[in-house]
Structures are given as C-alpha cells and as structure tokens.
Amino acid sequence: MTRKDILDRLAVYKGGGVATDESVPSSQYYLSRLHSMREFALREEFRRDGVINPANYQNHWLEYDEELNQDDCRFYLFRCPRILQLTNRDSGFGYVGSEDGMSQYNLFTSPERFAVAQGHRFTKLGNKISAAYDWEEEMMKLNQPVKRGLVRAVFLRPEDVPTFNVDIDDYPFSAKGLEILEEAISKGTINYILRVPQDKVSNSNTDSDLLKTPNR
C-alpha cells in the first residue's frame, strides 16, 4: 500500500475521521501523525516478535561527497536519514555494508565507541571496514573510503530516503504493524484525530499558522 492508501484506511476508524468541509488538508499535518503512529506500531511489533519485519526496511545508498569530507580527517562521512530507535538497546539497522549486499561492515553502536576503537586517531581497524551512525548529525562515519555503500534499515521518516517515491512505492509499514496500529486506534490507545483547520484564504504566509497541533 502507498502512503495515501494507509491514510485512507486509517481515516475510517472512529476518532480517525477527517472533516473536509470547506477545509484544505495539509500533507505535512497528516505526515506528522503518520510518522509518530508508525513509530509506535513498529516498536510494539518488535517488542512482540523480537525481530524486525523485513517489510519495514528501506535501502539507502551511501554516496561519497567530497565537499562533505573536507574538514573531518578521522572519518569518512556519508549522509544517512535518521534511523528508528526501537528500544534503548535496539536500533532499526538491518544491514550496513557494500552496495552489492555481500560484505557487511563492522557497525559500532556509537561514534564515541568507534573513536575509542580507533585509538583516537585515524587508523584502519584491520582489513574490515567499520562504521558508526551519528544520531545528532544523521551521518554514517566510516574508517575507510568507499565510493558507494548500502544501509538497509527502518528509517524514522520514509520520505527522507532519496530513492523513495511516495506516490507509487509501497510504504514501509508491515501488515502486522498496521494491524497493531488499527487495534490501538479502535481501542482508544491512540487518539488519532486529524482536525483539519478551516482555510478559506489561500495565503502561504498564514497557512503555517493553521498547522499547529490542537490542544489536548
């Protein structure tokens, strides 16, 4: 299902209906709800099953950017969208390695541990490529240069993955995860109310004021 299919499916639930009378829905307003609800459902799915459902994964290609690597002499930096943190100890990584999916990198849980392993200087950790994800900067740090790498993971915002086509690609939301969300909505565990503000004037300067989250 595409993102639109999922939103249409959720909108039929009590508390999930959308009033569109003389309203102009904001896609960003919808997305802010969908991201947080997907995050809840996938964490709950992982808690129940103990594994990540492959349907929740996306592929992101690490592309070498020379400008990005001018200042840092200890790591090779690659942009990487934010990964979903499933628990305090478990992240949404499935694979970090070569672009053909055949050679997995040694993944450290934090840049700090990565730096310690390197002895606080730029050295190769044996012949194996090692990596760490910087959660604040949303960067993948490698100890060796590569032209292209692959990150298969559960990303917090699927739309941030450059190759994802929101109009035609299946949204990375497993059937079980969606069922968990629907169950939570029907039981009132999640207050899924998308209150679309009335917007009778087309004015880009004021539209942003309409996107504020309603008081709870």
N, C-alpha and C. Protein backbone atom coordinates (compact mmCIF):
# COMPACT_ATOMS: atom_id res chain seq x y z
N MET A 1 0.83 -1.20 0.00
CA MET A 1 0.00 0.00 0.00
C MET A 1 0.87 1.25 0.00
N THR A 2 0.40 2.26 -0.73
CA THR A 2 1.11 3.53 -0.72
C THR A 2 0.75 4.29 0.55
N ARG A 3 1.43 5.40 0.76
CA ARG A 3 1.13 6.22 1.94
C ARG A 3 -0.32 6.69 1.92
N LYS A 4 -0.81 7.09 0.76
CA LYS A 4 -2.20 7.55 0.65
C LYS A 4 -3.17 6.42 1.01
N ASP A 5 -2.88 5.21 0.56
CA ASP A 5 -3.74 4.07 0.87
C ASP A 5 -3.84 3.85 2.38
N ILE A 6 -2.71 3.99 3.06
CA ILE A 6 -2.70 3.79 4.52
C ILE A 6 -3.50 4.86 5.22
N LEU A 7 -3.32 6.12 4.82
CA LEU A 7 -4.07 7.21 5.44
C LEU A 7 -5.57 7.05 5.20
N ASP A 8 -5.95 6.63 4.00
CA ASP A 8 -7.36 6.41 3.70
C ASP A 8 -7.92 5.28 4.55
N ARG A 9 -7.11 4.25 4.77
CA ARG A 9 -7.56 3.11 5.56
C ARG A 9 -7.75 3.49 7.03
N LEU A 10 -6.85 4.31 7.55
CA LEU A 10 -6.95 4.71 8.96
C LEU A 10 -8.09 5.69 9.19
N ALA A 11 -8.43 6.46 8.18
CA ALA A 11 -9.43 7.51 8.34
C ALA A 11 -10.84 6.98 8.59
N VAL A 12 -11.08 5.69 8.35
CA VAL A 12 -12.43 5.14 8.53
C VAL A 12 -12.73 4.85 9.99
N TYR A 13 -11.72 4.83 10.85
CA TYR A 13 -11.94 4.48 12.25
C TYR A 13 -12.53 5.64 13.03
N LYS A 14 -13.32 5.30 14.01
CA LYS A 14 -13.87 6.31 14.90
C LYS A 14 -12.71 7.02 15.59
N GLY A 15 -12.74 8.33 15.53
CA GLY A 15 -11.62 9.08 16.07
C GLY A 15 -10.54 9.30 15.05
N GLY A 16 -10.67 8.62 13.91
CA GLY A 16 -9.69 8.81 12.86
C GLY A 16 -10.27 9.50 11.65
N GLY A 17 -11.54 9.87 11.72
CA GLY A 17 -12.18 10.51 10.60
C GLY A 17 -11.64 11.91 10.37
N VAL A 18 -11.74 12.38 9.14
CA VAL A 18 -11.24 13.70 8.79
C VAL A 18 -12.38 14.53 8.24
N ALA A 19 -12.62 15.67 8.88
CA ALA A 19 -13.64 16.59 8.39
C ALA A 19 -13.03 17.44 7.29
N THR A 20 -13.58 17.39 6.10
CA THR A 20 -13.00 18.13 4.98
C THR A 20 -13.92 19.25 4.50
N ASP A 21 -15.00 19.52 5.22
CA ASP A 21 -15.93 20.58 4.83
C ASP A 21 -15.20 21.91 4.73
N GLU A 22 -15.15 22.47 3.54
CA GLU A 22 -14.52 23.77 3.32
C GLU A 22 -13.12 23.82 3.90
N SER A 23 -12.41 22.69 3.92
CA SER A 23 -11.08 22.64 4.51
C SER A 23 -10.04 22.28 3.47
N VAL A 24 -8.84 22.72 3.70
CA VAL A 24 -7.72 22.35 2.85
C VAL A 24 -6.72 21.59 3.70
N PRO A 25 -6.72 20.24 3.64
CA PRO A 25 -5.82 19.45 4.48
C PRO A 25 -4.36 19.72 4.11
N SER A 26 -3.52 19.74 5.10
CA SER A 26 -2.09 19.90 4.88
C SER A 26 -1.42 18.54 4.90
N SER A 27 -0.63 18.25 3.87
CA SER A 27 0.05 16.95 3.83
C SER A 27 1.04 16.82 4.97
N GLN A 28 1.67 17.93 5.36
CA GLN A 28 2.61 17.88 6.47
C GLN A 28 1.90 17.57 7.78
N TYR A 29 0.68 18.06 7.92
CA TYR A 29 -0.09 17.79 9.13
C TYR A 29 -0.43 16.31 9.23
N TYR A 30 -0.81 15.72 8.11
CA TYR A 30 -1.08 14.29 8.08
C TYR A 30 0.19 13.50 8.39
N LEU A 31 1.28 13.90 7.76
CA LEU A 31 2.53 13.17 7.92
C LEU A 31 3.02 13.17 9.36
N SER A 32 2.83 14.28 10.04
CA SER A 32 3.31 14.35 11.43
C SER A 32 2.60 13.32 12.28
N ARG A 33 1.35 13.02 11.96
CA ARG A 33 0.62 11.98 12.69
C ARG A 33 1.06 10.58 12.25
N LEU A 34 1.21 10.39 10.95
CA LEU A 34 1.53 9.06 10.43
C LEU A 34 2.89 8.59 10.92
N HIS A 35 3.87 9.48 10.95
CA HIS A 35 5.21 9.10 11.39
C HIS A 35 5.20 8.62 12.84
N SER A 36 4.54 9.38 13.71
CA SER A 36 4.53 9.02 15.13
C SER A 36 3.74 7.74 15.36
N MET A 37 2.65 7.55 14.61
CA MET A 37 1.85 6.34 14.78
C MET A 37 2.59 5.11 14.25
N ARG A 38 3.28 5.27 13.13
CA ARG A 38 4.09 4.17 12.59
C ARG A 38 5.19 3.81 13.58
N GLU A 39 5.80 4.82 14.15
CA GLU A 39 6.87 4.58 15.14
C GLU A 39 6.34 3.75 16.31
N PHE A 40 5.17 4.11 16.82
CA PHE A 40 4.55 3.36 17.91
C PHE A 40 4.30 1.91 17.50
N ALA A 41 3.71 1.72 16.32
CA ALA A 41 3.33 0.38 15.89
C ALA A 41 4.54 -0.52 15.64
N LEU A 42 5.59 0.03 15.03
CA LEU A 42 6.77 -0.79 14.73
C LEU A 42 7.54 -1.15 16.00
N ARG A 43 7.54 -0.25 16.96
CA ARG A 43 8.17 -0.58 18.24
C ARG A 43 7.40 -1.69 18.96
N GLU A 44 6.09 -1.61 18.89
CA GLU A 44 5.26 -2.63 19.52
C GLU A 44 5.41 -3.96 18.79
N GLU A 45 5.48 -3.94 17.48
CA GLU A 45 5.69 -5.16 16.71
C GLU A 45 7.02 -5.81 17.07
N PHE A 46 8.06 -4.98 17.22
CA PHE A 46 9.37 -5.51 17.59
C PHE A 46 9.35 -6.07 19.02
N ARG A 47 8.61 -5.41 19.90
CA ARG A 47 8.50 -5.91 21.28
C ARG A 47 7.85 -7.29 21.31
N ARG A 48 6.86 -7.50 20.48
CA ARG A 48 6.15 -8.78 20.46
C ARG A 48 6.95 -9.88 19.78
N ASP A 49 7.61 -9.53 18.66
CA ASP A 49 8.26 -10.57 17.85
C ASP A 49 9.75 -10.71 18.12
N GLY A 50 10.38 -9.65 18.60
CA GLY A 50 11.82 -9.70 18.86
C GLY A 50 12.68 -9.57 17.62
N VAL A 51 12.07 -9.38 16.47
CA VAL A 51 12.81 -9.21 15.20
C VAL A 51 12.14 -8.10 14.40
N ILE A 52 12.90 -7.56 13.46
CA ILE A 52 12.36 -6.52 12.57
C ILE A 52 11.71 -7.18 11.37
N ASN A 53 10.49 -6.80 11.09
CA ASN A 53 9.80 -7.30 9.91
C ASN A 53 10.46 -6.71 8.66
N PRO A 54 10.88 -7.55 7.71
CA PRO A 54 11.56 -7.05 6.51
C PRO A 54 10.75 -6.01 5.73
N ALA A 55 9.43 -6.04 5.86
CA ALA A 55 8.60 -5.09 5.13
C ALA A 55 8.81 -3.65 5.60
N ASN A 56 9.43 -3.49 6.77
CA ASN A 56 9.65 -2.15 7.32
C ASN A 56 10.98 -1.54 6.86
N TYR A 57 11.79 -2.33 6.18
CA TYR A 57 13.10 -1.86 5.75
C TYR A 57 13.01 -1.00 4.48
N GLN A 58 13.98 -0.11 4.36
CA GLN A 58 14.24 0.60 3.11
C GLN A 58 15.74 0.56 2.83
N ASN A 59 16.10 0.74 1.58
CA ASN A 59 17.51 0.82 1.19
C ASN A 59 17.91 2.27 0.97
N HIS A 60 19.03 2.63 1.59
CA HIS A 60 19.60 3.96 1.37
C HIS A 60 21.04 3.78 0.92
N TRP A 61 21.40 4.42 -0.18
CA TRP A 61 22.74 4.27 -0.73
C TRP A 61 23.65 5.37 -0.20
N LEU A 62 24.79 4.95 0.35
CA LEU A 62 25.79 5.89 0.84
C LEU A 62 26.61 6.37 -0.36
N GLU A 63 26.52 7.63 -0.65
CA GLU A 63 27.25 8.21 -1.78
C GLU A 63 28.35 9.12 -1.27
N TYR A 64 29.57 8.92 -1.78
CA TYR A 64 30.69 9.73 -1.32
C TYR A 64 30.55 11.16 -1.82
N ASP A 65 30.69 12.12 -0.89
CA ASP A 65 30.59 13.54 -1.19
C ASP A 65 31.90 14.19 -0.78
N GLU A 66 32.64 14.64 -1.77
CA GLU A 66 33.97 15.20 -1.48
C GLU A 66 33.89 16.45 -0.62
N GLU A 67 32.90 17.30 -0.86
CA GLU A 67 32.75 18.52 -0.07
C GLU A 67 32.46 18.22 1.39
N LEU A 68 31.72 17.16 1.61
CA LEU A 68 31.36 16.78 2.98
C LEU A 68 32.57 16.29 3.77
N ASN A 69 33.60 15.87 3.09
CA ASN A 69 34.74 15.24 3.75
C ASN A 69 36.00 16.11 3.76
N GLN A 70 35.83 17.41 3.60
CA GLN A 70 36.98 18.30 3.58
C GLN A 70 37.52 18.60 4.98
N ASP A 71 36.64 18.65 5.98
CA ASP A 71 37.05 19.10 7.31
C ASP A 71 37.39 17.98 8.27
N ASP A 72 36.78 16.81 8.14
CA ASP A 72 36.98 15.73 9.09
C ASP A 72 38.09 14.80 8.59
N CYS A 73 39.17 14.71 9.35
CA CYS A 73 40.31 13.91 8.91
C CYS A 73 40.35 12.54 9.57
N ARG A 74 39.39 12.25 10.45
CA ARG A 74 39.40 10.99 11.17
C ARG A 74 38.41 9.99 10.61
N PHE A 75 37.31 10.49 10.02
CA PHE A 75 36.28 9.62 9.49
C PHE A 75 35.93 10.04 8.07
N TYR A 76 35.35 9.12 7.35
CA TYR A 76 34.74 9.44 6.07
C TYR A 76 33.24 9.54 6.31
N LEU A 77 32.65 10.67 5.92
CA LEU A 77 31.27 10.97 6.26
C LEU A 77 30.33 10.73 5.08
N PHE A 78 29.15 10.17 5.41
CA PHE A 78 28.12 9.92 4.41
C PHE A 78 26.77 10.30 5.01
N ARG A 79 26.00 11.04 4.25
CA ARG A 79 24.67 11.41 4.74
C ARG A 79 23.78 10.18 4.83
N CYS A 80 22.99 10.12 5.92
CA CYS A 80 22.09 8.98 6.12
C CYS A 80 20.89 9.43 6.94
N PRO A 81 19.67 9.29 6.42
CA PRO A 81 18.47 9.73 7.15
C PRO A 81 18.38 9.06 8.52
N ARG A 82 17.61 9.69 9.41
CA ARG A 82 17.51 9.21 10.78
C ARG A 82 16.90 7.80 10.84
N ILE A 83 17.54 6.96 11.64
CA ILE A 83 17.10 5.58 11.83
C ILE A 83 16.15 5.50 13.03
N LEU A 84 15.17 4.63 12.94
CA LEU A 84 14.24 4.44 14.05
C LEU A 84 14.93 3.68 15.18
N GLN A 85 14.84 4.21 16.39
CA GLN A 85 15.35 3.53 17.58
C GLN A 85 14.21 2.72 18.17
N LEU A 86 14.34 1.39 18.13
CA LEU A 86 13.24 0.52 18.54
C LEU A 86 13.13 0.37 20.06
N THR A 87 14.26 0.25 20.73
CA THR A 87 14.31 0.20 22.19
C THR A 87 15.54 0.98 22.62
N ASN A 88 15.81 0.98 23.92
CA ASN A 88 17.01 1.66 24.42
C ASN A 88 18.29 1.00 23.90
N ARG A 89 18.17 -0.27 23.52
CA ARG A 89 19.36 -1.01 23.08
C ARG A 89 19.33 -1.41 21.61
N ASP A 90 18.15 -1.40 21.01
CA ASP A 90 18.00 -1.91 19.65
C ASP A 90 17.63 -0.80 18.68
N SER A 91 18.38 -0.73 17.59
CA SER A 91 18.09 0.24 16.54
C SER A 91 17.50 -0.48 15.33
N GLY A 92 17.10 0.31 14.34
CA GLY A 92 16.44 -0.26 13.17
C GLY A 92 17.36 -0.69 12.06
N PHE A 93 18.66 -0.85 12.35
CA PHE A 93 19.59 -1.28 11.32
C PHE A 93 19.39 -2.75 10.96
N GLY A 94 19.40 -3.05 9.66
CA GLY A 94 19.37 -4.42 9.20
C GLY A 94 20.67 -4.83 8.55
N TYR A 95 21.25 -3.89 7.80
CA TYR A 95 22.50 -4.17 7.09
C TYR A 95 23.20 -2.87 6.79
N VAL A 96 24.50 -2.84 7.03
CA VAL A 96 25.36 -1.73 6.61
C VAL A 96 26.59 -2.35 5.97
N GLY A 97 26.79 -2.10 4.68
CA GLY A 97 27.92 -2.74 4.02
C GLY A 97 28.05 -2.35 2.57
N SER A 98 28.67 -3.21 1.80
CA SER A 98 28.91 -2.94 0.39
C SER A 98 27.59 -2.85 -0.36
N GLU A 99 27.62 -2.17 -1.49
CA GLU A 99 26.38 -1.91 -2.23
C GLU A 99 25.77 -3.17 -2.82
N ASP A 100 26.57 -4.24 -2.98
CA ASP A 100 26.01 -5.48 -3.51
C ASP A 100 25.38 -6.34 -2.43
N GLY A 101 25.44 -5.88 -1.18
CA GLY A 101 24.83 -6.61 -0.07
C GLY A 101 25.58 -7.85 0.37
N MET A 102 26.83 -7.99 -0.05
CA MET A 102 27.58 -9.22 0.22
C MET A 102 28.66 -9.05 1.29
N SER A 103 29.01 -7.83 1.65
CA SER A 103 30.10 -7.61 2.60
C SER A 103 29.65 -6.62 3.67
N GLN A 104 29.34 -7.13 4.84
CA GLN A 104 28.81 -6.29 5.91
C GLN A 104 29.94 -5.59 6.66
N TYR A 105 29.72 -4.30 6.96
CA TYR A 105 30.69 -3.55 7.73
C TYR A 105 30.56 -3.88 9.21
N ASN A 106 31.62 -3.61 9.94
CA ASN A 106 31.59 -3.74 11.40
C ASN A 106 30.93 -2.49 11.97
N LEU A 107 29.70 -2.63 12.47
CA LEU A 107 28.92 -1.48 12.91
C LEU A 107 29.05 -1.26 14.41
N PHE A 108 29.52 -0.07 14.79
CA PHE A 108 29.61 0.31 16.20
C PHE A 108 28.32 0.99 16.63
N THR A 109 28.00 0.87 17.90
CA THR A 109 26.74 1.41 18.40
C THR A 109 26.76 2.92 18.55
N SER A 110 27.95 3.52 18.58
CA SER A 110 28.03 4.97 18.72
C SER A 110 29.36 5.47 18.15
N PRO A 111 29.39 6.73 17.69
CA PRO A 111 30.65 7.31 17.21
C PRO A 111 31.73 7.34 18.28
N GLU A 112 31.31 7.47 19.56
CA GLU A 112 32.29 7.51 20.66
C GLU A 112 33.04 6.19 20.76
N ARG A 113 32.32 5.10 20.71
CA ARG A 113 32.96 3.79 20.77
C ARG A 113 33.82 3.54 19.53
N PHE A 114 33.35 4.07 18.42
CA PHE A 114 34.11 3.97 17.19
C PHE A 114 35.45 4.68 17.33
N ALA A 115 35.42 5.89 17.91
CA ALA A 115 36.64 6.68 18.09
C ALA A 115 37.60 5.99 19.04
N VAL A 116 37.06 5.41 20.12
CA VAL A 116 37.91 4.69 21.08
C VAL A 116 38.59 3.51 20.40
N ALA A 117 37.81 2.80 19.57
CA ALA A 117 38.37 1.63 18.87
C ALA A 117 39.49 2.02 17.93
N GLN A 118 39.44 3.24 17.45
CA GLN A 118 40.48 3.71 16.55
C GLN A 118 41.66 4.32 17.30
N GLY A 119 41.62 4.29 18.61
CA GLY A 119 42.71 4.85 19.40
C GLY A 119 42.78 6.36 19.27
N HIS A 120 41.60 6.99 19.01
CA HIS A 120 41.50 8.44 18.88
C HIS A 120 42.38 9.01 17.77
N ARG A 121 42.65 8.23 16.77
CA ARG A 121 43.36 8.70 15.60
C ARG A 121 42.87 7.91 14.40
N PHE A 122 43.13 8.41 13.22
CA PHE A 122 42.62 7.74 12.04
C PHE A 122 43.50 6.54 11.70
N THR A 123 43.01 5.37 12.04
CA THR A 123 43.70 4.12 11.72
C THR A 123 42.66 3.13 11.25
N LYS A 124 43.07 2.16 10.47
CA LYS A 124 42.17 1.13 9.98
C LYS A 124 42.05 0.03 11.02
N LEU A 125 40.85 -0.40 11.28
CA LEU A 125 40.60 -1.47 12.25
C LEU A 125 40.73 -2.80 11.51
N GLY A 126 41.97 -3.21 11.27
CA GLY A 126 42.19 -4.41 10.48
C GLY A 126 41.84 -4.12 9.04
N ASN A 127 41.47 -5.17 8.30
CA ASN A 127 41.11 -5.01 6.90
C ASN A 127 39.63 -4.76 6.70
N LYS A 128 38.85 -4.90 7.77
CA LYS A 128 37.41 -4.78 7.66
C LYS A 128 36.99 -3.32 7.79
N ILE A 129 36.07 -2.91 6.95
CA ILE A 129 35.54 -1.55 7.05
C ILE A 129 34.63 -1.47 8.27
N SER A 130 34.81 -0.44 9.06
CA SER A 130 33.99 -0.23 10.25
C SER A 130 33.19 1.05 10.10
N ALA A 131 32.05 1.10 10.78
CA ALA A 131 31.15 2.24 10.64
C ALA A 131 30.45 2.53 11.96
N ALA A 132 29.98 3.75 12.08
CA ALA A 132 29.16 4.16 13.23
C ALA A 132 28.20 5.23 12.75
N TYR A 133 27.01 5.25 13.35
CA TYR A 133 26.00 6.23 12.96
C TYR A 133 25.96 7.35 13.97
N ASP A 134 26.06 8.58 13.48
CA ASP A 134 25.95 9.76 14.33
C ASP A 134 24.50 10.21 14.34
N TRP A 135 23.83 9.98 15.45
CA TRP A 135 22.40 10.24 15.54
C TRP A 135 22.08 11.73 15.48
N GLU A 136 22.96 12.57 16.01
CA GLU A 136 22.70 14.00 16.02
C GLU A 136 22.88 14.62 14.64
N GLU A 137 23.93 14.22 13.94
CA GLU A 137 24.22 14.81 12.64
C GLU A 137 23.58 14.05 11.49
N GLU A 138 23.03 12.87 11.79
CA GLU A 138 22.45 11.99 10.77
C GLU A 138 23.48 11.71 9.67
N MET A 139 24.62 11.21 10.15
CA MET A 139 25.73 10.86 9.28
C MET A 139 26.22 9.46 9.60
N MET A 140 26.62 8.73 8.56
CA MET A 140 27.31 7.47 8.74
C MET A 140 28.81 7.75 8.63
N LYS A 141 29.57 7.29 9.61
CA LYS A 141 31.01 7.52 9.65
C LYS A 141 31.74 6.20 9.39
N LEU A 142 32.64 6.22 8.42
CA LEU A 142 33.42 5.03 8.06
C LEU A 142 34.90 5.28 8.29
N ASN A 143 35.62 4.22 8.57
CA ASN A 143 37.07 4.35 8.78
C ASN A 143 37.87 4.19 7.50
N GLN A 144 37.18 3.82 6.41
CA GLN A 144 37.84 3.69 5.11
C GLN A 144 36.95 4.30 4.04
N PRO A 145 37.56 4.82 3.00
CA PRO A 145 36.75 5.43 1.94
C PRO A 145 36.08 4.38 1.06
N VAL A 146 34.84 4.62 0.71
CA VAL A 146 34.13 3.79 -0.25
C VAL A 146 33.39 4.72 -1.21
N LYS A 147 33.25 4.31 -2.45
CA LYS A 147 32.52 5.13 -3.41
C LYS A 147 31.02 5.04 -3.16
N ARG A 148 30.59 3.84 -2.77
CA ARG A 148 29.15 3.63 -2.57
C ARG A 148 28.93 2.49 -1.60
N GLY A 149 28.05 2.70 -0.66
CA GLY A 149 27.70 1.66 0.29
C GLY A 149 26.19 1.56 0.41
N LEU A 150 25.75 0.61 1.22
CA LEU A 150 24.32 0.37 1.36
C LEU A 150 23.93 0.30 2.83
N VAL A 151 22.86 1.01 3.19
CA VAL A 151 22.26 0.91 4.51
C VAL A 151 20.84 0.42 4.33
N ARG A 152 20.55 -0.76 4.88
CA ARG A 152 19.18 -1.28 4.89
C ARG A 152 18.68 -1.15 6.33
N ALA A 153 17.63 -0.35 6.51
CA ALA A 153 17.22 -0.04 7.88
C ALA A 153 15.76 0.40 7.91
N VAL A 154 15.25 0.54 9.13
CA VAL A 154 13.94 1.15 9.35
C VAL A 154 14.19 2.63 9.60
N PHE A 155 13.79 3.46 8.67
CA PHE A 155 14.03 4.89 8.79
C PHE A 155 12.83 5.56 9.47
N LEU A 156 13.14 6.57 10.28
CA LEU A 156 12.09 7.24 11.04
C LEU A 156 11.07 7.90 10.12
N ARG A 157 11.56 8.56 9.09
CA ARG A 157 10.68 9.21 8.11
C ARG A 157 11.00 8.63 6.73
N PRO A 158 10.20 7.70 6.26
CA PRO A 158 10.49 7.04 4.98
C PRO A 158 10.71 8.00 3.82
N GLU A 159 10.04 9.15 3.87
CA GLU A 159 10.16 10.12 2.77
C GLU A 159 11.55 10.74 2.68
N ASP A 160 12.35 10.61 3.74
CA ASP A 160 13.70 11.18 3.73
C ASP A 160 14.68 10.36 2.90
N VAL A 161 14.31 9.13 2.58
CA VAL A 161 15.17 8.29 1.74
C VAL A 161 15.04 8.76 0.30
N PRO A 162 16.14 9.23 -0.32
CA PRO A 162 16.06 9.87 -1.64
C PRO A 162 15.40 9.04 -2.73
N THR A 163 15.57 7.72 -2.69
CA THR A 163 15.04 6.88 -3.76
C THR A 163 13.57 6.52 -3.56
N PHE A 164 12.97 6.91 -2.45
CA PHE A 164 11.59 6.54 -2.16
C PHE A 164 10.63 7.44 -2.93
N ASN A 165 9.74 6.83 -3.68
CA ASN A 165 8.72 7.57 -4.43
C ASN A 165 7.40 7.43 -3.68
N VAL A 166 6.98 8.50 -3.06
CA VAL A 166 5.82 8.44 -2.17
C VAL A 166 4.52 8.14 -2.91
N ASP A 167 4.49 8.43 -4.20
CA ASP A 167 3.25 8.25 -4.96
C ASP A 167 3.02 6.81 -5.41
N ILE A 168 4.11 6.07 -5.67
CA ILE A 168 3.93 4.74 -6.24
C ILE A 168 4.55 3.61 -5.40
N ASP A 169 5.52 3.92 -4.57
CA ASP A 169 6.18 2.87 -3.79
C ASP A 169 5.33 2.45 -2.60
N ASP A 170 5.42 1.17 -2.25
CA ASP A 170 4.76 0.70 -1.04
C ASP A 170 5.38 1.38 0.16
N TYR A 171 4.54 1.86 1.05
CA TYR A 171 5.04 2.50 2.27
C TYR A 171 5.63 1.42 3.18
N PRO A 172 6.82 1.65 3.74
CA PRO A 172 7.47 0.62 4.56
C PRO A 172 6.79 0.45 5.91
N PHE A 173 5.66 -0.20 5.88
CA PHE A 173 4.82 -0.39 7.07
C PHE A 173 4.22 -1.78 6.94
N SER A 174 4.71 -2.73 7.73
CA SER A 174 4.27 -4.13 7.61
C SER A 174 2.78 -4.28 7.89
N ALA A 175 2.20 -5.33 7.34
CA ALA A 175 0.78 -5.60 7.57
C ALA A 175 0.49 -5.79 9.05
N LYS A 176 1.41 -6.46 9.75
CA LYS A 176 1.20 -6.69 11.18
C LYS A 176 1.30 -5.38 11.95
N GLY A 177 2.26 -4.54 11.56
CA GLY A 177 2.40 -3.25 12.22
C GLY A 177 1.16 -2.40 12.03
N LEU A 178 0.59 -2.43 10.83
CA LEU A 178 -0.62 -1.67 10.56
C LEU A 178 -1.79 -2.22 11.36
N GLU A 179 -1.87 -3.53 11.50
CA GLU A 179 -2.93 -4.14 12.31
C GLU A 179 -2.80 -3.73 13.78
N ILE A 180 -1.56 -3.67 14.26
CA ILE A 180 -1.33 -3.24 15.65
C ILE A 180 -1.82 -1.80 15.83
N LEU A 181 -1.55 -0.96 14.83
CA LEU A 181 -1.98 0.43 14.91
C LEU A 181 -3.51 0.53 14.86
N GLU A 182 -4.12 -0.22 13.97
CA GLU A 182 -5.58 -0.19 13.87
C GLU A 182 -6.23 -0.66 15.17
N GLU A 183 -5.65 -1.69 15.78
CA GLU A 183 -6.16 -2.18 17.05
C GLU A 183 -6.06 -1.11 18.14
N ALA A 184 -4.93 -0.40 18.14
CA ALA A 184 -4.72 0.66 19.14
C ALA A 184 -5.71 1.81 18.93
N ILE A 185 -5.99 2.12 17.67
CA ILE A 185 -6.94 3.19 17.38
C ILE A 185 -8.34 2.79 17.81
N SER A 186 -8.75 1.56 17.47
CA SER A 186 -10.11 1.11 17.78
C SER A 186 -10.34 0.99 19.28
N LYS A 187 -9.26 0.70 20.03
CA LYS A 187 -9.38 0.58 21.48
C LYS A 187 -9.17 1.91 22.20
N GLY A 188 -8.84 2.92 21.44
CA GLY A 188 -8.62 4.23 22.05
C GLY A 188 -7.24 4.39 22.66
N THR A 189 -6.34 3.44 22.39
CA THR A 189 -4.98 3.56 22.91
C THR A 189 -4.28 4.77 22.32
N ILE A 190 -4.56 5.03 21.06
CA ILE A 190 -4.02 6.21 20.38
C ILE A 190 -5.18 7.11 19.99
N ASN A 191 -5.04 8.36 20.33
CA ASN A 191 -6.08 9.32 19.98
C ASN A 191 -5.77 9.89 18.60
N TYR A 192 -6.24 9.16 17.60
CA TYR A 192 -5.94 9.55 16.23
C TYR A 192 -7.03 10.47 15.71
N ILE A 193 -6.89 11.74 15.97
CA ILE A 193 -7.85 12.71 15.48
C ILE A 193 -7.12 13.73 14.62
N LEU A 194 -7.40 13.72 13.36
CA LEU A 194 -6.80 14.69 12.46
C LEU A 194 -7.79 15.83 12.25
N ARG A 195 -7.62 16.88 13.02
CA ARG A 195 -8.52 18.03 12.89
C ARG A 195 -7.97 18.96 11.83
N VAL A 196 -8.59 18.95 10.70
CA VAL A 196 -8.11 19.77 9.59
C VAL A 196 -8.66 21.18 9.76
N PRO A 197 -7.81 22.20 9.87
CA PRO A 197 -8.28 23.56 10.10
C PRO A 197 -8.99 24.14 8.89
N GLN A 198 -9.92 25.04 9.14
CA GLN A 198 -10.60 25.74 8.06
C GLN A 198 -9.64 26.73 7.43
N ASP A 199 -9.52 26.69 6.12
CA ASP A 199 -8.63 27.60 5.41
C ASP A 199 -9.38 28.15 4.21
N LYS A 200 -10.01 29.31 4.41
CA LYS A 200 -10.80 29.89 3.33
C LYS A 200 -10.01 30.91 2.53
N VAL A 201 -8.79 31.21 2.99
CA VAL A 201 -7.95 32.17 2.29
C VAL A 201 -6.67 31.48 1.88
N SER A 202 -6.35 31.54 0.58
CA SER A 202 -5.10 30.96 0.11
C SER A 202 -3.98 31.96 0.33
N ASN A 203 -3.23 31.75 1.41
CA ASN A 203 -2.16 32.68 1.75
C ASN A 203 -1.04 31.90 2.39
N SER A 204 0.09 31.79 1.70
CA SER A 204 1.19 30.97 2.19
C SER A 204 1.76 31.49 3.48
N ASN A 205 1.60 32.79 3.75
CA ASN A 205 2.15 33.36 4.98
C ASN A 205 1.36 32.96 6.21
N THR A 206 0.06 32.67 6.00
CA THR A 206 -0.77 32.33 7.15
C THR A 206 -1.07 30.85 7.25
N ASP A 207 -0.82 30.12 6.17
CA ASP A 207 -1.12 28.69 6.18
C ASP A 207 -0.35 27.96 7.27
N SER A 208 0.88 28.37 7.52
CA SER A 208 1.69 27.68 8.52
C SER A 208 1.09 27.79 9.91
N ASP A 209 0.34 28.87 10.17
CA ASP A 209 -0.28 29.04 11.48
C ASP A 209 -1.38 28.02 11.72
N LEU A 210 -1.92 27.47 10.63
CA LEU A 210 -3.02 26.52 10.74
C LEU A 210 -2.54 25.11 11.06
N LEU A 211 -1.24 24.91 11.02
CA LEU A 211 -0.71 23.56 11.18
C LEU A 211 -0.34 23.25 12.61
N LYS A 212 -0.62 24.16 13.53
CA LYS A 212 -0.27 23.92 14.92
C LYS A 212 -1.10 22.78 15.48
N THR A 213 -0.48 21.95 16.30
CA THR A 213 -1.17 20.81 16.88
C THR A 213 -2.27 21.30 17.82
N PRO A 214 -3.49 20.75 17.72
CA PRO A 214 -4.57 21.18 18.60
C PRO A 214 -4.26 20.85 20.05
N ASN A 215 -4.82 21.65 20.94
CA ASN A 215 -4.65 21.38 22.37
C ASN A 215 -5.28 20.07 22.74
N ARG A 216 -4.59 19.32 23.61
CA ARG A 216 -5.10 18.02 24.03
C ARG A 216 -5.85 18.14 25.35
